[in-house]
Amino acid sequence: MKKNTKEIMKEKLTGLTDKKITRKEAIRKSGYIAVSAVTMMILLGNPEKAQASSPAPVGPWVP
């Protein structure tokens, strides 16, 4: 027997809301996100400085 779309969506949504994490796990995950964001900022460096040192684009247009 085929299930209709509403029943399938209801089953998927109930599965998502049942997954709970502890406060300790939430703090740990947010720490990982913060560390990865800082690392990305360090690796990318200063974008304004990088743009200033890059050569002007060469294209077929004439300004």
Protein backbone atom coordinates (compact mmCIF):
# COMPACT_ATOMS: atom_id res chain seq x y z
CA MET A 1 0.00 0.00 0.00
CA LYS A 2 1.36 3.41 -0.97
CA LYS A 3 1.72 6.14 1.63
CA ASN A 4 0.63 9.60 0.78
CA THR A 5 3.02 12.56 0.94
CA LYS A 6 1.64 13.96 4.20
CA GLU A 7 2.29 10.70 6.06
CA ILE A 8 5.84 10.45 4.72
CA MET A 9 6.63 14.05 5.70
CA LYS A 10 5.14 13.54 9.16
CA GLU A 11 7.37 10.49 9.72
CA LYS A 12 10.49 12.39 8.60
CA LEU A 13 9.71 15.42 10.79
CA THR A 14 9.09 13.27 13.86
CA GLY A 15 12.46 11.61 13.35
CA LEU A 16 14.19 14.99 13.25
CA THR A 17 12.65 16.33 16.44
CA ASP A 18 13.51 13.20 18.44
CA LYS A 19 17.26 13.80 18.15
CA LYS A 20 18.31 15.80 21.20
CA ILE A 21 21.80 16.58 22.44
CA THR A 22 23.03 17.58 25.85
CA ARG A 23 24.21 21.07 26.78
CA LYS A 24 27.80 19.80 26.95
CA GLU A 25 27.59 18.44 23.40
CA ALA A 26 26.06 21.71 22.15
CA ILE A 27 28.87 23.75 23.71
CA ARG A 28 31.47 21.41 22.23
CA LYS A 29 29.92 21.67 18.75
CA SER A 30 29.69 25.45 18.92
CA GLY A 31 33.35 25.51 19.96
CA TYR A 32 34.28 23.46 16.89
CA ILE A 33 32.34 25.89 14.69
CA ALA A 34 34.08 28.88 16.28
CA VAL A 35 37.52 27.32 15.85
CA SER A 36 36.84 26.49 12.21
CA ALA A 37 35.62 30.05 11.54
CA VAL A 38 38.74 31.57 13.10
CA THR A 39 40.95 29.17 11.16
CA MET A 40 39.23 30.13 7.92
CA MET A 41 39.72 33.83 8.66
CA ILE A 42 43.42 33.25 9.38
CA LEU A 43 43.93 31.18 6.24
CA LEU A 44 42.15 33.67 4.01
CA GLY A 45 44.02 36.58 5.53
CA ASN A 46 43.05 40.13 4.78
CA PRO A 47 40.95 40.18 1.57
CA GLU A 48 41.33 43.94 1.01
CA LYS A 49 45.10 43.63 1.10
CA ALA A 50 45.01 40.67 -1.29
CA GLN A 51 42.80 42.56 -3.77
CA ALA A 52 45.08 45.60 -3.70
CA SER A 53 48.14 43.53 -4.59
CA SER A 54 46.49 41.55 -7.40
CA PRO A 55 46.94 42.73 -10.99
CA ALA A 56 44.10 44.43 -12.83
CA PRO A 57 41.91 42.04 -14.83
CA VAL A 58 42.49 41.94 -18.55
CA GLY A 59 39.40 41.71 -20.68
CA PRO A 60 38.10 42.51 -24.16
CA TRP A 61 36.22 45.58 -22.94
CA VAL A 62 37.50 49.14 -22.98
CA PRO A 63 36.38 51.33 -20.07
